[in-house]
Amino acid sequence: MIAIKIVLILAIAVMFWAFRNRSRVGLRAGARVAVILLAVIAAVSIIQPSVAQAAADQLGVTRGTDLLLYLLVMVFAASSLGFYFRFRDLERRLADLTRAQAIREAVSVQGLPRGMASPALPDRTAEQRARLS
């Protein structure tokens, strides 16, 4: 039983180190606090399983493992939503950039259409400019 505890604690330490030392991860302060909190909860639950059972009893859950499973489901759902919204925003930004690049290339290759004084580049709204910056 001790060997698995050591392996699990080392795994948590490696994951914590990966979030802590990677500048390109770009976690916000709230997410960093959540990662630290989850790492501490996981380590305490591994070292002393009775803590999870005591917390489950306080919250009206039958077993400590059920409580940890519920927390895992909540964290998974929150991270999935976060990734969905981030990818949706990146998709929009990529579409805007692709559209603008296609118009620039068309104007540079074919020239301006007759009667036009300037290229028909889309005018960005304040929201789009803020999103791109």
Protein backbone atom coordinates (compact mmCIF):
# COMPACT_ATOMS: atom_id res chain seq x y z
CA MET A 1 0.00 0.00 0.00
CA ILE A 2 2.89 2.39 0.67
CA ALA A 3 4.33 1.93 -2.84
CA ILE A 4 1.13 3.13 -4.55
CA LYS A 5 0.97 6.16 -2.26
CA ILE A 6 4.52 7.11 -3.25
CA VAL A 7 3.73 6.68 -6.95
CA LEU A 8 0.54 8.77 -6.68
CA ILE A 9 2.23 11.56 -4.70
CA LEU A 10 5.06 11.68 -7.26
CA ALA A 11 2.50 11.86 -10.09
CA ILE A 12 0.79 14.81 -8.41
CA ALA A 13 4.14 16.53 -7.91
CA VAL A 14 5.03 16.06 -11.59
CA MET A 15 1.66 17.46 -12.72
CA PHE A 16 2.00 20.40 -10.34
CA TRP A 17 5.51 21.08 -11.65
CA ALA A 18 4.25 20.96 -15.24
CA PHE A 19 1.65 23.65 -14.51
CA ARG A 20 3.98 25.73 -12.39
CA ASN A 21 7.03 25.94 -14.66
CA ARG A 22 5.53 26.20 -18.13
CA SER A 23 5.13 29.82 -19.19
CA ARG A 24 3.23 28.85 -22.31
CA VAL A 25 0.48 27.16 -20.30
CA GLY A 26 -0.89 30.63 -19.61
CA LEU A 27 -3.11 29.77 -16.67
CA ARG A 28 -4.97 32.60 -15.01
CA ALA A 29 -4.51 33.21 -11.31
CA GLY A 30 -7.80 31.53 -10.38
CA ALA A 31 -6.91 28.42 -12.36
CA ARG A 32 -3.50 28.28 -10.70
CA VAL A 33 -5.10 28.46 -7.27
CA ALA A 34 -7.53 25.69 -8.27
CA VAL A 35 -4.66 23.48 -9.47
CA ILE A 36 -2.77 24.01 -6.22
CA LEU A 37 -5.90 23.33 -4.17
CA LEU A 38 -6.70 20.15 -6.09
CA ALA A 39 -3.11 18.95 -5.74
CA VAL A 40 -3.23 19.49 -1.97
CA ILE A 41 -6.62 17.75 -1.69
CA ALA A 42 -5.33 14.82 -3.74
CA ALA A 43 -2.15 14.50 -1.71
CA VAL A 44 -4.01 14.64 1.61
CA SER A 45 -6.56 12.08 0.37
CA ILE A 46 -3.77 9.74 -0.66
CA ILE A 47 -1.75 10.11 2.51
CA GLN A 48 -4.70 9.99 4.91
CA PRO A 49 -7.84 8.44 3.29
CA SER A 50 -9.90 9.00 6.44
CA VAL A 51 -9.92 12.75 5.67
CA ALA A 52 -11.95 12.10 2.51
CA GLN A 53 -14.38 9.94 4.48
CA ALA A 54 -14.78 12.64 7.15
CA ALA A 55 -15.48 15.26 4.47
CA ALA A 56 -17.98 12.92 2.82
CA ASP A 57 -19.75 12.39 6.14
CA GLN A 58 -20.00 16.16 6.64
CA LEU A 59 -21.49 16.61 3.16
CA GLY A 60 -23.88 13.68 3.39
CA VAL A 61 -22.12 11.45 0.87
CA THR A 62 -21.92 7.75 1.69
CA ARG A 63 -18.22 7.14 0.98
CA GLY A 64 -15.12 9.30 0.60
CA THR A 65 -14.38 7.71 -2.76
CA ASP A 66 -17.81 8.78 -4.01
CA LEU A 67 -17.06 12.35 -2.92
CA LEU A 68 -13.76 12.30 -4.77
CA LEU A 69 -15.50 10.93 -7.86
CA TYR A 70 -18.09 13.73 -7.72
CA LEU A 71 -15.30 16.30 -7.43
CA LEU A 72 -13.51 14.71 -10.37
CA VAL A 73 -16.66 14.90 -12.49
CA MET A 74 -17.11 18.58 -11.59
CA VAL A 75 -13.49 19.42 -12.45
CA PHE A 76 -13.76 17.50 -15.73
CA ALA A 77 -16.98 19.31 -16.68
CA ALA A 78 -15.50 22.72 -15.85
CA SER A 79 -12.31 22.06 -17.80
CA SER A 80 -14.28 20.70 -20.77
CA LEU A 81 -16.40 23.84 -20.87
CA GLY A 82 -13.30 26.00 -20.62
CA PHE A 83 -11.65 24.18 -23.51
CA TYR A 84 -14.84 24.42 -25.58
CA PHE A 85 -15.10 28.19 -25.14
CA ARG A 86 -11.37 28.67 -25.76
CA PHE A 87 -11.43 26.61 -28.98
CA ARG A 88 -14.59 28.39 -30.16
CA ASP A 89 -12.90 31.76 -29.68
CA LEU A 90 -9.74 30.57 -31.45
CA GLU A 91 -11.86 29.27 -34.33
CA ARG A 92 -13.52 32.67 -34.72
CA ARG A 93 -10.19 34.46 -34.61
CA LEU A 94 -8.72 32.09 -37.19
CA ALA A 95 -11.70 32.63 -39.51
CA ASP A 96 -11.31 36.42 -39.22
CA LEU A 97 -7.58 36.24 -39.95
CA THR A 98 -8.09 33.83 -42.86
CA ARG A 99 -10.75 36.08 -44.40
CA ALA A 100 -8.57 39.18 -44.10
CA GLN A 101 -5.54 37.35 -45.56
CA ALA A 102 -7.58 36.00 -48.47
CA ILE A 103 -8.82 39.50 -49.31
CA ARG A 104 -5.29 40.94 -49.11
CA GLU A 105 -3.93 38.21 -51.38
CA ALA A 106 -6.76 38.65 -53.89
CA VAL A 107 -6.19 42.40 -54.04
CA SER A 108 -2.42 42.02 -54.41
CA VAL A 109 -2.73 39.42 -57.20
CA GLN A 110 -5.75 40.74 -59.12
CA GLY A 111 -5.62 44.38 -58.16
CA LEU A 112 -8.51 46.51 -57.02
CA PRO A 113 -11.90 46.05 -58.65
CA ARG A 114 -12.86 48.89 -60.99
CA GLY A 115 -14.25 51.93 -59.29
CA MET A 116 -12.81 51.11 -55.90
CA ALA A 117 -10.45 53.54 -54.21
CA SER A 118 -9.23 51.20 -51.51
CA PRO A 119 -9.24 47.47 -50.82
CA ALA A 120 -12.45 46.01 -49.46
CA LEU A 121 -10.91 44.91 -46.21
CA PRO A 122 -13.48 44.26 -43.51
CA ASP A 123 -13.70 46.99 -40.91
CA ARG A 124 -13.20 45.46 -37.49
CA THR A 125 -15.48 46.43 -34.68
CA ALA A 126 -14.06 47.41 -31.31
CA GLU A 127 -14.94 43.95 -29.97
CA GLN A 128 -13.04 42.20 -32.78
CA ARG A 129 -10.00 44.44 -32.31
CA ALA A 130 -10.00 43.70 -28.56
CA ARG A 131 -10.31 39.97 -29.22
CA LEU A 132 -7.39 39.98 -31.67
CA SER A 133 -5.08 41.91 -29.36
